[in-house]
Protein backbone atom coordinates (compact mmCIF):
# COMPACT_ATOMS: atom_id res chain seq x y z
CA MET A 1 72.01 11.01 10.70
CA SER A 2 70.92 8.12 8.54
CA ALA A 3 70.91 5.49 11.33
CA ASN A 4 69.01 5.89 14.59
CA LEU A 5 68.42 3.15 17.17
CA GLU A 6 65.38 3.30 19.46
CA GLN A 7 64.28 0.97 22.24
CA ASP A 8 60.60 0.03 21.75
CA SER A 9 60.29 -2.42 24.65
CA ASP A 10 62.59 -4.53 26.82
CA ARG A 11 63.61 -6.78 23.95
CA LEU A 12 62.51 -4.91 20.80
CA CYS A 13 64.73 -2.33 19.16
CA ILE A 14 63.91 -0.23 16.12
CA LEU A 15 66.64 0.85 13.73
CA ARG A 16 65.60 3.65 11.38
CA VAL A 17 67.85 3.98 8.35
CA GLY A 18 67.37 6.85 5.92
CA GLY A 19 69.33 8.07 2.95
CA GLU A 20 72.79 6.59 2.46
CA LEU A 21 74.05 4.49 5.37
CA LYS A 22 77.60 5.41 6.35
CA LYS A 23 79.95 2.92 8.00
CA SER A 24 80.69 5.36 10.84
CA GLU A 25 76.95 5.58 11.62
CA LEU A 26 76.61 1.82 11.66
CA ASP A 27 79.59 1.58 14.01
CA THR A 28 77.83 3.96 16.43
CA VAL A 29 74.63 1.90 16.28
CA GLU A 30 76.58 -1.32 16.84
CA SER A 31 77.99 0.14 20.08
CA GLU A 32 74.44 0.93 21.20
CA PHE A 33 73.41 -2.66 20.38
CA VAL A 34 76.16 -4.03 22.61
CA GLU A 35 74.71 -2.04 25.53
CA LYS A 36 71.15 -3.16 24.84
CA ILE A 37 72.18 -6.81 24.45
CA ALA A 38 74.09 -6.65 27.73
CA ASN A 39 70.91 -5.48 29.48
CA ALA A 40 68.31 -7.62 27.69
CA GLY A 41 70.09 -10.72 26.43
CA THR A 42 68.74 -11.61 23.00
CA ILE A 43 66.77 -8.91 21.23
CA LYS A 44 64.37 -8.58 18.33
CA LEU A 45 65.12 -5.91 15.75
CA LEU A 46 62.78 -3.98 13.46
CA VAL A 47 64.68 -2.16 10.70
CA LEU A 48 62.75 0.61 8.96
CA LEU A 49 64.33 1.73 5.70
CA GLU A 50 63.02 5.27 5.15
CA ASN A 51 64.06 6.88 1.84
CA PHE A 52 67.00 4.47 1.90
CA SER A 53 69.47 4.95 -0.94
CA GLY A 54 72.08 2.30 -0.11
CA TRP A 55 75.47 2.12 1.54
CA GLU A 56 78.34 4.56 1.20
CA ARG A 57 81.24 3.16 -0.76
CA ASN A 58 83.89 2.36 1.81
CA GLU A 59 86.38 -0.48 2.19
CA ALA A 60 85.65 -0.68 5.93
CA TRP A 61 82.41 -2.60 5.23
CA GLY A 62 84.55 -5.74 5.17
CA ASP A 63 84.83 -5.60 8.98
CA THR A 64 82.64 -8.52 10.13
CA ASP A 65 83.71 -8.47 13.78
CA PHE A 66 80.33 -7.29 15.15
CA PHE A 67 78.41 -9.77 13.02
CA PHE A 68 80.39 -12.80 14.19
CA SER A 69 80.55 -11.65 17.81
CA HIS A 70 76.80 -10.98 18.13
CA ARG A 71 75.03 -12.95 15.40
CA ASP A 72 73.27 -15.26 17.87
CA GLU A 73 72.02 -12.42 20.10
CA PHE A 74 69.38 -11.26 17.61
CA GLU A 75 66.33 -13.47 18.12
CA LYS A 76 64.61 -12.14 14.97
CA ILE A 77 65.22 -9.34 12.50
CA ALA A 78 62.41 -7.82 10.42
CA VAL A 79 63.29 -5.33 7.70
CA VAL A 80 60.68 -3.02 6.17
CA GLY A 81 61.58 -1.22 2.96
CA GLN A 82 61.26 -0.93 -0.78
CA PRO A 83 61.39 -4.35 -2.50
CA GLN A 84 64.34 -3.27 -4.66
CA TRP A 85 66.56 -3.55 -1.55
CA GLU A 86 65.40 -6.99 -0.41
CA ALA A 87 68.23 -9.17 -1.78
CA GLN A 88 70.98 -6.75 -0.74
CA VAL A 89 69.54 -6.20 2.75
CA LEU A 90 69.11 -9.93 3.38
CA ALA A 91 72.74 -10.48 2.38
CA PHE A 92 73.89 -7.51 4.49
CA THR A 93 72.06 -8.77 7.58
CA GLY A 94 73.46 -12.28 7.18
CA ALA A 95 70.11 -13.98 6.63
CA GLY A 96 70.67 -17.72 6.82
CA LEU A 97 73.93 -17.30 8.74
CA ARG A 98 72.32 -16.22 11.99
CA LYS A 99 70.68 -18.31 14.68
CA GLY A 100 67.50 -16.21 14.38
CA PRO A 101 65.53 -15.63 11.17
CA VAL A 102 65.64 -12.47 9.08
CA LYS A 103 62.55 -11.53 7.07
CA PHE A 104 61.92 -8.68 4.61
CA PHE A 105 58.59 -6.84 4.36
CA PRO A 106 57.48 -4.24 1.79
CA GLU A 107 57.34 -0.59 2.90
CA THR A 108 53.60 -0.96 3.67
CA GLY A 109 54.25 -3.99 5.88
CA GLU A 110 55.35 -2.48 9.18
CA ALA A 111 52.30 -3.83 11.05
CA GLU A 112 52.90 -7.29 9.58
CA ALA A 113 56.60 -7.09 10.53
CA ARG A 114 55.73 -6.12 14.11
CA ALA A 115 53.24 -9.01 14.32
CA TRP A 116 55.89 -11.46 13.05
CA LEU A 117 58.39 -10.16 15.63
CA ALA A 118 55.80 -10.58 18.39
CA GLU A 119 55.24 -14.30 17.57
């Protein structure tokens, strides 16, 4: 599976994404987010792109229902990955369209990303 959601603490979730992200996998993770948000309220998210190779080609990516329904429930999103993905990931996560900030960190910046999320 290329997308795996873990609970790190009450309000911090970690999403590990490896290889090519499939829409069906993201849909599964979104369902898990709904549960976690229901229990915790707003959450912070750390996304770790591990050997990430992009998104599968699929017309279903146009479904923005989850984004618009839950965009204000993510207090902060930190993404750690290879710099080549920064612009696409920031667009994909809706940086600038969310209530909370989204920030990208290079693949060696996990500790920095965690510190930023903890602020």
